[in-house]
C-alpha atoms as a PDB file:
ATOM      1  CA  MET A   1       0.037   0.026  -0.031  1.00  0.00           C
ATOM      2  CA  LYS A   2       1.345   3.404  -0.939  1.00  0.00           C
ATOM      3  CA  ALA A   3       2.012   5.926   1.725  1.00  0.00           C
ATOM      4  CA  HIS A   4      -0.924   8.158   0.647  1.00  0.00           C
ATOM      5  CA  ARG A   5      -3.282   5.183   1.071  1.00  0.00           C
ATOM      6  CA  TRP A   6      -2.194   4.688   4.619  1.00  0.00           C
ATOM      7  CA  ASP A   7      -2.710   8.474   5.185  1.00  0.00           C
ATOM      8  CA  ALA A   8      -6.184   8.169   3.667  1.00  0.00           C
ATOM      9  CA  ALA A   9      -6.954   5.298   6.037  1.00  0.00           C
ATOM     10  CA  ILE A  10      -5.823   7.335   8.981  1.00  0.00           C
ATOM     11  CA  ALA A  11      -8.005  10.292   7.921  1.00  0.00           C
ATOM     12  CA  ASP A  12     -10.992   7.949   7.639  1.00  0.00           C
ATOM     13  CA  PHE A  13     -10.415   6.393  11.111  1.00  0.00           C
ATOM     14  CA  MET A  14      -9.905   9.906  12.644  1.00  0.00           C
ATOM     15  CA  LYS A  15     -13.378  10.847  11.170  1.00  0.00           C
ATOM     16  CA  ALA A  16     -14.716   7.606  12.598  1.00  0.00           C
ATOM     17  CA  ALA A  17     -13.313   8.470  16.008  1.00  0.00           C
ATOM     18  CA  LYS A  18     -15.426  11.672  16.229  1.00  0.00           C
ATOM     19  CA  HIS A  19     -18.593   9.608  15.942  1.00  0.00           C
ATOM     20  CA  ALA A  20     -17.564   6.513  17.660  1.00  0.00           C
ATOM     21  CA  SER A  21     -18.934   5.389  21.033  1.00  0.00           C
ATOM     22  CA  ASP A  22     -16.856   5.333  24.161  1.00  0.00           C
ATOM     23  CA  ALA A  23     -16.797   1.537  23.766  1.00  0.00           C
ATOM     24  CA  GLN A  24     -15.440   1.809  20.234  1.00  0.00           C
ATOM     25  CA  LEU A  25     -12.800   4.492  20.792  1.00  0.00           C
ATOM     26  CA  PRO A  26     -10.004   2.115  22.132  1.00  0.00           C
ATOM     27  CA  ASP A  27     -10.167   0.067  18.968  1.00  0.00           C
ATOM     28  CA  VAL A  28     -10.424   3.024  16.608  1.00  0.00           C
ATOM     29  CA  HIS A  29      -7.322   4.634  18.153  1.00  0.00           C
ATOM     30  CA  GLN A  30      -5.566   1.288  17.873  1.00  0.00           C
ATOM     31  CA  LEU A  31      -6.249   1.214  14.142  1.00  0.00           C
ATOM     32  CA  ILE A  32      -4.903   4.814  13.705  1.00  0.00           C
ATOM     33  CA  GLY A  33      -1.791   3.753  15.611  1.00  0.00           C
ATOM     34  CA  ARG A  34      -1.247   0.674  13.503  1.00  0.00           C
ATOM     35  CA  CYS A  35      -1.461   2.680  10.290  1.00  0.00           C
ATOM     36  CA  ARG A  36       1.023   5.226  11.797  1.00  0.00           C
ATOM     37  CA  LEU A  37       3.252   2.390  12.906  1.00  0.00           C
ATOM     38  CA  THR A  38       3.411   0.963   9.398  1.00  0.00           C
ATOM     39  CA  LEU A  39       4.464   4.280   8.139  1.00  0.00           C
ATOM     40  CA  GLY A  40       7.324   4.378  10.694  1.00  0.00           C
ATOM     41  CA  ARG A  41       5.796   7.436  12.416  1.00  0.00           C
ATOM     42  CA  LEU A  42       6.653   6.093  15.835  1.00  0.00           C
ATOM     43  CA  ASP A  43       5.901   9.224  17.781  1.00  0.00           C
ATOM     44  CA  GLN A  44       2.500   9.554  16.264  1.00  0.00           C
ATOM     45  CA  ALA A  45       1.769   5.807  16.678  1.00  0.00           C
ATOM     46  CA  MET A  46       2.669   6.023  20.360  1.00  0.00           C
ATOM     47  CA  ALA A  47       0.388   9.057  20.755  1.00  0.00           C
ATOM     48  CA  SER A  48      -2.497   6.977  19.259  1.00  0.00           C
ATOM     49  CA  PHE A  49      -1.765   4.044  21.384  1.00  0.00           C
ATOM     50  CA  GLU A  50      -1.678   6.314  24.574  1.00  0.00           C
ATOM     51  CA  GLU A  51      -5.061   7.682  23.447  1.00  0.00           C
ATOM     52  CA  SER A  52      -6.418   4.178  23.078  1.00  0.00           C
ATOM     53  CA  LEU A  53      -5.085   3.441  26.636  1.00  0.00           C
ATOM     54  CA  ARG A  54      -6.838   6.445  28.071  1.00  0.00           C
ATOM     55  CA  ALA A  55     -10.090   5.652  26.385  1.00  0.00           C
ATOM     56  CA  ALA A  56      -9.825   2.095  27.642  1.00  0.00           C
ATOM     57  CA  GLU A  57      -9.066   3.230  31.229  1.00  0.00           C
ATOM     58  CA  SER A  58     -11.878   5.624  31.318  1.00  0.00           C
ATOM     59  CA  ARG A  59     -14.299   2.639  30.856  1.00  0.00           C
ATOM     60  CA  GLU A  60     -12.213   0.224  32.952  1.00  0.00           C
ATOM     61  CA  ASP A  61     -11.799  -1.808  29.854  1.00  0.00           C
ATOM     62  CA  ASN A  62      -9.032  -4.252  30.732  1.00  0.00           C
ATOM     63  CA  SER A  63      -9.115  -5.906  27.228  1.00  0.00           C
ATOM     64  CA  GLY A  64      -8.654  -2.504  25.598  1.00  0.00           C
ATOM     65  CA  LYS A  65      -5.852  -1.657  27.998  1.00  0.00           C
ATOM     66  CA  ALA A  66      -4.049  -4.948  27.380  1.00  0.00           C
ATOM     67  CA  ARG A  67      -4.115  -4.209  23.550  1.00  0.00           C
ATOM     68  CA  ALA A  68      -2.922  -0.661  23.991  1.00  0.00           C
ATOM     69  CA  LEU A  69      -0.158  -1.695  26.359  1.00  0.00           C
ATOM     70  CA  GLY A  70       0.897  -4.361  24.027  1.00  0.00           C
ATOM     71  CA  SER A  71       1.091  -2.009  21.071  1.00  0.00           C
ATOM     72  CA  MET A  72       3.068   0.492  23.174  1.00  0.00           C
ATOM     73  CA  GLY A  73       5.478  -2.283  23.966  1.00  0.00           C
ATOM     74  CA  LEU A  74       5.867  -3.006  20.290  1.00  0.00           C
ATOM     75  CA  VAL A  75       6.745   0.526  19.638  1.00  0.00           C
ATOM     76  CA  TRP A  76       9.468   0.413  22.266  1.00  0.00           C
ATOM     77  CA  LEU A  77      10.812  -2.823  20.710  1.00  0.00           C
ATOM     78  CA  ILE A  78      11.102  -1.088  17.261  1.00  0.00           C
ATOM     79  CA  ARG A  79      12.867   1.841  19.009  1.00  0.00           C
ATOM     80  CA  ARG A  80      15.327  -0.713  20.274  1.00  0.00           C
ATOM     81  CA  LYS A  81      14.500  -0.131  23.912  1.00  0.00           C
ATOM     82  CA  PRO A  82      13.727  -3.677  24.790  1.00  0.00           C
ATOM     83  CA  ASN A  83      13.863  -3.279  28.577  1.00  0.00           C
ATOM     84  CA  LYS A  84      11.279  -0.533  28.441  1.00  0.00           C
ATOM     85  CA  ALA A  85       9.290  -2.535  25.985  1.00  0.00           C
ATOM     86  CA  ARG A  86       9.197  -5.516  28.374  1.00  0.00           C
ATOM     87  CA  GLY A  87       7.471  -3.458  31.106  1.00  0.00           C
ATOM     88  CA  PHE A  88       4.576  -2.582  28.853  1.00  0.00           C
ATOM     89  CA  LEU A  89       4.405  -6.195  27.449  1.00  0.00           C
ATOM     90  CA  LEU A  90       4.367  -7.777  31.019  1.00  0.00           C
ATOM     91  CA  GLN A  91       1.493  -5.494  31.959  1.00  0.00           C
ATOM     92  CA  SER A  92      -0.369  -6.452  28.845  1.00  0.00           C
ATOM     93  CA  ALA A  93       0.234 -10.204  29.448  1.00  0.00           C
ATOM     94  CA  ALA A  94      -1.008  -9.869  33.006  1.00  0.00           C
ATOM     95  CA  LEU A  95      -4.272  -8.101  31.906  1.00  0.00           C
ATOM     96  CA  CYS A  96      -4.792 -10.605  29.146  1.00  0.00           C
ATOM     97  CA  HIS A  97      -4.492 -13.364  31.727  1.00  0.00           C
ATOM     98  CA  ASP A  98      -6.914 -11.653  34.050  1.00  0.00           C
ATOM     99  CA  VAL A  99      -9.641 -11.396  31.299  1.00  0.00           C
ATOM    100  CA  GLY A 100      -9.053 -14.823  29.924  1.00  0.00           C
ATOM    101  CA  ASP A 101      -7.583 -13.562  26.565  1.00  0.00           C
ATOM    102  CA  LYS A 102      -5.213 -16.563  25.909  1.00  0.00           C
ATOM    103  CA  LEU A 103      -4.417 -15.443  22.394  1.00  0.00           C
ATOM    104  CA  GLY A 104      -3.503 -11.959  23.575  1.00  0.00           C
ATOM    105  CA  GLU A 105      -1.461 -13.484  26.455  1.00  0.00           C
ATOM    106  CA  ALA A 106       0.532 -15.738  24.006  1.00  0.00           C
ATOM    107  CA  LYS A 107       1.134 -12.734  21.668  1.00  0.00           C
ATOM    108  CA  ALA A 108       2.562 -10.737  24.624  1.00  0.00           C
ATOM    109  CA  ALA A 109       4.781 -13.647  25.709  1.00  0.00           C
ATOM    110  CA  ALA A 110       6.153 -13.856  22.096  1.00  0.00           C
ATOM    111  CA  ASN A 111       7.036 -10.218  22.141  1.00  0.00           C
ATOM    112  CA  ILE A 112       8.511 -10.452  25.659  1.00  0.00           C
ATOM    113  CA  GLY A 113      10.666 -13.238  24.090  1.00  0.00           C
ATOM    114  CA  LEU A 114      11.843 -10.662  21.435  1.00  0.00           C
ATOM    115  CA  SER A 115      12.736  -8.277  24.185  1.00  0.00           C
ATOM    116  CA  TRP A 116      15.070 -10.842  25.760  1.00  0.00           C
ATOM    117  CA  LYS A 117      16.525 -11.682  22.486  1.00  0.00           C
ATOM    118  CA  ASP A 118      17.197  -8.025  21.788  1.00  0.00           C
ATOM    119  CA  THR A 119      19.109  -7.757  25.116  1.00  0.00           C
ATOM    120  CA  GLY A 120      21.298 -10.801  24.330  1.00  0.00           C
ATOM    121  CA  GLU A 121      19.627 -13.321  26.556  1.00  0.00           C
ATOM    122  CA  PRO A 122      18.662 -15.978  24.177  1.00  0.00           C
ATOM    123  CA  ASP A 123      17.865 -18.637  26.727  1.00  0.00           C
ATOM    124  CA  ARG A 124      15.202 -16.466  28.303  1.00  0.00           C
ATOM    125  CA  ALA A 125      13.947 -15.656  24.881  1.00  0.00           C
ATOM    126  CA  LEU A 126      13.643 -19.333  23.924  1.00  0.00           C
ATOM    127  CA  GLU A 127      11.713 -19.892  27.280  1.00  0.00           C
ATOM    128  CA  CYS A 128       9.096 -17.226  26.400  1.00  0.00           C
ATOM    129  CA  PHE A 129       8.879 -18.489  22.734  1.00  0.00           C
ATOM    130  CA  ALA A 130       8.284 -22.013  23.994  1.00  0.00           C
ATOM    131  CA  GLN A 131       5.483 -20.731  26.203  1.00  0.00           C
ATOM    132  CA  ALA A 132       3.950 -18.823  23.368  1.00  0.00           C
ATOM    133  CA  GLN A 133       4.245 -21.674  20.925  1.00  0.00           C
ATOM    134  CA  LYS A 134       2.496 -24.097  23.294  1.00  0.00           C
ATOM    135  CA  ALA A 135      -0.350 -21.610  23.828  1.00  0.00           C
ATOM    136  CA  PHE A 136      -0.730 -20.999  20.058  1.00  0.00           C
ATOM    137  CA  ARG A 137      -0.741 -24.773  19.360  1.00  0.00           C
ATOM    138  CA  ASP A 138      -3.391 -25.334  22.166  1.00  0.00           C
ATOM    139  CA  LEU A 139      -5.408 -22.565  20.469  1.00  0.00           C
ATOM    140  CA  ASP A 140      -4.888 -23.970  17.024  1.00  0.00           C
ATOM    141  CA  ALA A 141      -3.449 -20.683  15.997  1.00  0.00           C
ATOM    142  CA  ARG A 142      -1.077 -22.105  13.385  1.00  0.00           C
ATOM    143  CA  MET A 143      -0.042 -18.849  11.786  1.00  0.00           C
ATOM    144  CA  GLU A 144       0.932 -17.356  15.231  1.00  0.00           C
ATOM    145  CA  GLU A 145       2.690 -20.661  16.099  1.00  0.00           C
ATOM    146  CA  ALA A 146       4.699 -20.425  12.799  1.00  0.00           C
ATOM    147  CA  SER A 147       5.687 -16.835  13.548  1.00  0.00           C
ATOM    148  CA  VAL A 148       7.092 -17.888  16.928  1.00  0.00           C
ATOM    149  CA  LEU A 149       8.961 -20.890  15.385  1.00  0.00           C
ATOM    150  CA  GLY A 150      10.492 -18.175  13.002  1.00  0.00           C
ATOM    151  CA  ASN A 151      11.678 -16.277  16.106  1.00  0.00           C
ATOM    152  CA  ILE A 152      13.044 -19.485  17.592  1.00  0.00           C
ATOM    153  CA  GLY A 153      14.903 -20.089  14.338  1.00  0.00           C
ATOM    154  CA  ARG A 154      16.294 -16.508  14.607  1.00  0.00           C
ATOM    155  CA  VAL A 155      17.702 -17.415  18.076  1.00  0.00           C
ATOM    156  CA  TRP A 156      19.387 -20.446  16.750  1.00  0.00           C
ATOM    157  CA  MET A 157      21.077 -18.280  14.170  1.00  0.00           C
ATOM    158  CA  ASP A 158      22.297 -15.811  16.861  1.00  0.00           C
ATOM    159  CA  LYS A 159      23.733 -18.715  18.588  1.00  0.00           C
ATOM    160  CA  GLY A 160      25.506 -19.892  15.396  1.00  0.00           C
ATOM    161  CA  LYS A 161      23.435 -23.244  15.403  1.00  0.00           C
ATOM    162  CA  PHE A 162      22.637 -23.071  11.843  1.00  0.00           C
ATOM    163  CA  ASP A 163      21.430 -26.689  11.450  1.00  0.00           C
ATOM    164  CA  GLU A 164      18.868 -26.067  14.158  1.00  0.00           C
ATOM    165  CA  ALA A 165      17.933 -22.905  12.563  1.00  0.00           C
ATOM    166  CA  LEU A 166      17.345 -24.568   9.086  1.00  0.00           C
ATOM    167  CA  LYS A 167      15.339 -27.320  10.727  1.00  0.00           C
ATOM    168  CA  THR A 168      13.147 -24.821  12.503  1.00  0.00           C
ATOM    169  CA  MET A 169      12.623 -22.612   9.392  1.00  0.00           C
ATOM    170  CA  ALA A 170      11.616 -25.712   7.429  1.00  0.00           C
ATOM    171  CA  GLU A 171       8.924 -26.347  10.030  1.00  0.00           C
ATOM    172  CA  VAL A 172       7.693 -22.821   9.493  1.00  0.00           C
ATOM    173  CA  LEU A 173       7.642 -23.305   5.696  1.00  0.00           C
ATOM    174  CA  ALA A 174       5.672 -26.569   6.095  1.00  0.00           C
ATOM    175  CA  VAL A 175       3.053 -24.761   8.237  1.00  0.00           C
ATOM    176  CA  MET A 176       2.706 -21.921   5.778  1.00  0.00           C
ATOM    177  CA  ARG A 177       2.323 -24.297   2.840  1.00  0.00           C
ATOM    178  CA  ALA A 178      -0.297 -26.406   4.795  1.00  0.00           C
ATOM    179  CA  VAL A 179      -2.442 -23.396   5.498  1.00  0.00           C
ATOM    180  CA  GLY A 180      -2.098 -22.024   2.071  1.00  0.00           C
ATOM    181  CA  ASN A 181      -0.439 -18.746   2.986  1.00  0.00           C
ATOM    182  CA  PRO A 182       1.882 -17.830   0.044  1.00  0.00           C
ATOM    183  CA  GLU A 183       3.216 -14.610   1.669  1.00  0.00           C
ATOM    184  CA  GLY A 184       4.152 -16.589   4.839  1.00  0.00           C
ATOM    185  CA  GLU A 185       5.684 -19.275   2.614  1.00  0.00           C
ATOM    186  CA  ALA A 186       7.812 -16.586   0.978  1.00  0.00           C
ATOM    187  CA  ALA A 187       8.932 -15.105   4.287  1.00  0.00           C
ATOM    188  CA  ALA A 188       9.985 -18.658   5.507  1.00  0.00           C
ATOM    189  CA  ILE A 189      11.882 -19.313   2.414  1.00  0.00           C
ATOM    190  CA  GLY A 190      13.587 -15.875   2.889  1.00  0.00           C
ATOM    191  CA  ASN A 191      14.552 -16.820   6.339  1.00  0.00           C
ATOM    192  CA  ILE A 192      16.093 -20.052   5.025  1.00  0.00           C
ATOM    193  CA  GLY A 193      17.987 -17.798   2.595  1.00  0.00           C
ATOM    194  CA  ASP A 194      19.270 -15.620   5.687  1.00  0.00           C
ATOM    195  CA  VAL A 195      20.636 -18.915   7.239  1.00  0.00           C
ATOM    196  CA  HIS A 196      22.530 -19.770   4.091  1.00  0.00           C
ATOM    197  CA  ALA A 197      23.870 -16.270   3.688  1.00  0.00           C
ATOM    198  CA  MET A 198      25.203 -16.354   7.300  1.00  0.00           C
ATOM    199  CA  ARG A 199      26.893 -19.524   6.504  1.00  0.00           C
ATOM    200  CA  GLY A 200      28.556 -18.097   3.431  1.00  0.00           C
ATOM    201  CA  GLU A 201      26.391 -20.409   1.191  1.00  0.00           C
ATOM    202  CA  PHE A 202      25.740 -17.524  -1.270  1.00  0.00           C
ATOM    203  CA  ASP A 203      24.344 -19.723  -4.171  1.00  0.00           C
ATOM    204  CA  LYS A 204      21.781 -21.395  -1.886  1.00  0.00           C
ATOM    205  CA  ALA A 205      20.989 -18.021  -0.344  1.00  0.00           C
ATOM    206  CA  LEU A 206      20.351 -16.462  -3.864  1.00  0.00           C
ATOM    207  CA  ARG A 207      18.114 -19.427  -4.920  1.00  0.00           C
ATOM    208  CA  SER A 208      16.050 -18.969  -1.675  1.00  0.00           C
ATOM    209  CA  PHE A 209      15.660 -15.168  -2.100  1.00  0.00           C
ATOM    210  CA  GLU A 210      14.880 -15.520  -5.844  1.00  0.00           C
ATOM    211  CA  THR A 211      12.143 -18.112  -4.996  1.00  0.00           C
ATOM    212  CA  SER A 212      10.686 -15.851  -2.391  1.00  0.00           C
ATOM    213  CA  LEU A 213      10.850 -12.920  -4.689  1.00  0.00           C
ATOM    214  CA  GLY A 214       8.775 -14.802  -7.365  1.00  0.00           C
ATOM    215  CA  ILE A 215       6.138 -15.533  -4.752  1.00  0.00           C
ATOM    216  CA  HIS A 216       6.013 -11.945  -3.508  1.00  0.00           C
ATOM    217  CA  CYS A 217       5.788 -10.539  -7.020  1.00  0.00           C
ATOM    218  CA  GLU A 218       3.011 -12.893  -8.005  1.00  0.00           C
ATOM    219  CA  ALA A 219       1.094 -11.995  -4.879  1.00  0.00           C
ATOM    220  CA  GLY A 220       1.702  -8.215  -5.466  1.00  0.00           C
ATOM    221  CA  ASN A 221       3.402  -7.780  -2.123  1.00  0.00           C
ATOM    222  CA  LYS A 222       5.645  -4.804  -2.923  1.00  0.00           C
ATOM    223  CA  GLU A 223       7.200  -4.632   0.437  1.00  0.00           C
ATOM    224  CA  GLY A 224       8.075  -8.352   0.377  1.00  0.00           C
ATOM    225  CA  GLU A 225       9.406  -7.884  -3.129  1.00  0.00           C
ATOM    226  CA  ALA A 226      11.630  -4.948  -1.878  1.00  0.00           C
ATOM    227  CA  THR A 227      12.930  -6.983   0.982  1.00  0.00           C
ATOM    228  CA  ASP A 228      13.880  -9.951  -1.278  1.00  0.00           C
ATOM    229  CA  ARG A 229      15.550  -7.548  -3.685  1.00  0.00           C
ATOM    230  CA  SER A 230      17.405  -5.957  -0.904  1.00  0.00           C
ATOM    231  CA  ASN A 231      18.568  -9.489   0.328  1.00  0.00           C
ATOM    232  CA  ILE A 232      19.647 -10.369  -3.183  1.00  0.00           C
ATOM    233  CA  GLY A 233      21.628  -7.301  -3.399  1.00  0.00           C
ATOM    234  CA  SER A 234      23.378  -7.900  -0.116  1.00  0.00           C
ATOM    235  CA  VAL A 235      24.239 -11.456  -1.150  1.00  0.00           C
ATOM    236  CA  LEU A 236      25.738 -10.160  -4.498  1.00  0.00           C
ATOM    237  CA  VAL A 237      27.792  -7.724  -2.429  1.00  0.00           C
ATOM    238  CA  GLY A 238      29.213 -10.678  -0.512  1.00  0.00           C
ATOM    239  CA  MET A 239      30.028 -12.330  -3.811  1.00  0.00           C
ATOM    240  CA  GLY A 240      31.812  -9.186  -5.061  1.00  0.00           C
ATOM    241  CA  GLU A 241      29.117  -8.538  -7.801  1.00  0.00           C
ATOM    242  CA  HIS A 242      28.729  -4.920  -6.993  1.00  0.00           C
ATOM    243  CA  GLU A 243      27.239  -3.685 -10.270  1.00  0.00           C
ATOM    244  CA  LYS A 244      24.520  -6.182 -10.080  1.00  0.00           C
ATOM    245  CA  ALA A 245      24.079  -5.583  -6.362  1.00  0.00           C
ATOM    246  CA  THR A 246      23.616  -1.940  -6.963  1.00  0.00           C
ATOM    247  CA  GLY A 247      20.750  -2.524  -9.392  1.00  0.00           C
ATOM    248  CA  SER A 248      18.945  -4.891  -7.099  1.00  0.00           C
ATOM    249  CA  LEU A 249      19.445  -2.617  -3.995  1.00  0.00           C
ATOM    250  CA  ALA A 250      18.362   0.574  -5.825  1.00  0.00           C
ATOM    251  CA  THR A 251      15.258  -1.064  -7.101  1.00  0.00           C
ATOM    252  CA  ALA A 252      14.356  -2.193  -3.588  1.00  0.00           C
ATOM    253  CA  LEU A 253      15.091   1.222  -2.234  1.00  0.00           C
ATOM    254  CA  GLY A 254      12.704   2.774  -4.814  1.00  0.00           C
ATOM    255  CA  ILE A 255       9.979   0.369  -3.746  1.00  0.00           C
ATOM    256  CA  PHE A 256      10.508   1.035  -0.017  1.00  0.00           C
ATOM    257  CA  LEU A 257      10.236   4.835  -0.597  1.00  0.00           C
ATOM    258  CA  ASP A 258       7.188   4.572  -2.825  1.00  0.00           C
ATOM    259  CA  ALA A 259       5.439   2.405  -0.174  1.00  0.00           C
ATOM    260  CA  GLY A 260       6.430   4.791   2.640  1.00  0.00           C
ATOM    261  CA  VAL A 261       8.047   1.935   4.651  1.00  0.00           C
ATOM    262  CA  ALA A 262      10.413   3.834   6.993  1.00  0.00           C
ATOM    263  CA  THR A 263      12.511   0.771   7.911  1.00  0.00           C
ATOM    264  CA  GLY A 264      13.118  -0.258   4.301  1.00  0.00           C
ATOM    265  CA  PRO A 265      15.790   2.253   3.294  1.00  0.00           C
ATOM    266  CA  ARG A 266      17.914   1.422   6.389  1.00  0.00           C
ATOM    267  CA  GLN A 267      17.960  -2.216   5.033  1.00  0.00           C
ATOM    268  CA  CYS A 268      19.618  -1.138   1.918  1.00  0.00           C
ATOM    269  CA  LEU A 269      22.029   1.628   3.056  1.00  0.00           C
ATOM    270  CA  ARG A 270      24.897  -0.469   4.366  1.00  0.00           C
ATOM    271  CA  ALA A 271      25.031  -2.651   1.166  1.00  0.00           C
ATOM    272  CA  LEU A 272      24.633   0.401  -1.020  1.00  0.00           C
ATOM    273  CA  GLY A 273      27.515   2.086   0.743  1.00  0.00           C
ATOM    274  CA  GLU A 274      29.801  -0.913  -0.040  1.00  0.00           C
ATOM    275  CA  CYS A 275      28.698  -0.773  -3.702  1.00  0.00           C
ATOM    276  CA  MET A 276      29.508   3.009  -3.921  1.00  0.00           C
ATOM    277  CA  ARG A 277      32.983   2.325  -2.422  1.00  0.00           C
ATOM    278  CA  SER A 278      33.686  -0.331  -5.006  1.00  0.00           C
ATOM    279  CA  LEU A 279      32.211   1.384  -8.097  1.00  0.00           C
ATOM    280  CA  GLY A 280      32.998   5.078  -7.368  1.00  0.00           C
ATOM    281  CA  ARG A 281      30.451   7.820  -7.063  1.00  0.00           C
ATOM    282  CA  GLU A 282      29.738   8.441 -10.812  1.00  0.00           C
ATOM    283  CA  ARG A 283      29.380   4.871 -11.816  1.00  0.00           C
ATOM    284  CA  PHE A 284      27.300   4.030  -8.769  1.00  0.00           C
ATOM    285  CA  ALA A 285      25.023   7.024  -9.410  1.00  0.00           C
ATOM    286  CA  ALA A 286      24.557   5.882 -13.015  1.00  0.00           C
ATOM    287  CA  LYS A 287      23.629   2.324 -12.014  1.00  0.00           C
ATOM    288  CA  CYS A 288      21.045   3.636  -9.473  1.00  0.00           C
ATOM    289  CA  GLU A 289      19.435   5.759 -12.173  1.00  0.00           C
ATOM    290  CA  GLU A 290      19.428   2.770 -14.566  1.00  0.00           C
ATOM    291  CA  ALA A 291      17.458   0.889 -11.775  1.00  0.00           C
ATOM    292  CA  GLY A 292      14.763   3.664 -11.823  1.00  0.00           C
ATOM    293  CA  LEU A 293      15.768   5.956  -9.048  1.00  0.00           C
ATOM    294  CA  LYS A 294      15.093   9.623  -9.791  1.00  0.00           C
ATOM    295  CA  LYS A 295      18.208  11.868 -10.222  1.00  0.00           C
ATOM    296  CA  ARG A 296      17.228  13.839  -7.091  1.00  0.00           C
ATOM    297  CA  THR A 297      16.815  10.786  -5.078  1.00  0.00           C
ATOM    298  CA  VAL A 298      20.233   9.387  -6.282  1.00  0.00           C
ATOM    299  CA  GLU A 299      21.917  12.726  -5.331  1.00  0.00           C
ATOM    300  CA  ARG A 300      20.318  12.544  -1.889  1.00  0.00           C
ATOM    301  CA  LEU A 301      21.362   8.960  -1.424  1.00  0.00           C
ATOM    302  CA  VAL A 302      24.942   9.679  -2.532  1.00  0.00           C
ATOM    303  CA  GLY A 303      25.064  12.460   0.008  1.00  0.00           C
ATOM    304  CA  ILE A 304      23.806  10.283   2.790  1.00  0.00           C
ATOM    305  CA  LEU A 305      26.266   7.468   1.956  1.00  0.00           C
ATOM    306  CA  GLU A 306      29.164   9.978   1.929  1.00  0.00           C
ATOM    307  CA  GLU A 307      28.089  11.421   5.323  1.00  0.00           C
ATOM    308  CA  ARG A 308      27.893   7.943   6.862  1.00  0.00           C
ATOM    309  CA  ARG A 309      31.337   7.165   5.442  1.00  0.00           C
ATOM    310  CA  ARG A 310      32.745  10.283   7.089  1.00  0.00           C
ATOM    311  CA  TYR A 311      31.082   9.572  10.369  1.00  0.00           C
ATOM    312  CA  ALA A 312      32.479   6.029  10.386  1.00  0.00           C
ATOM    313  CA  ARG A 313      36.061   7.154  10.072  1.00  0.00           C
END
């Protein structure tokens, strides 16, 4: 979805908020916050979730409070403040437990696991993920279970246990295929590609990312397509194929910018910086324009990369 479509959705939800009942307000503000979160507007998203929390508190709506606190915790995770995130997520989990929301409690446990992963405590993360996985399995929430399995696989990657990671990612892939979720299937294949890339198995990684790319393109998932093209570009950098890498990365960057995905450009910048160092400024800029980036965007990109290089010295 393009950025202006998210903005249109926000405008519609804000109009709805003016006419919503007190009981509806917590969820309306949640929806506004989720749209803003997708656009990477973290301060605005947090403000919406805080508004959702206030609306829920005014009605002593513990379910609404749990959802708002969980969303606020997610923002802090994205901001890379895992300890602060954990405080909100623990409150959310406790409220979900009190109101009997087993699915919400399991989701909070999974995100608490992510907070432990981000603070470099993989064993605590695995404990939370195992708790969430069991709950999701008991609830027959197969998609959520697969998501947690993916997180477990990421922990195995962090530990350097690549065989375990591949085995776990294969389980995720099997679930996604069983439930008929092509985008989940593509994400799982992409994760398998990440494992191969970390092992230096670049040919296998490329095959995985190209397979994932084909699925995302067929489904019309532009963000997924951009992520795959970014991953392909990063692998090509590792193989020393900087011209090909630049084309793939620049295409990915253009899609991310068009879709308004704030985290996307950051995915590409490191690899693009390596490409510019290898190709030189003029050749690099030309390859970016060949990939479809506008001249003004390329000039800004080159400036950002040069500034990052000066800062790194």
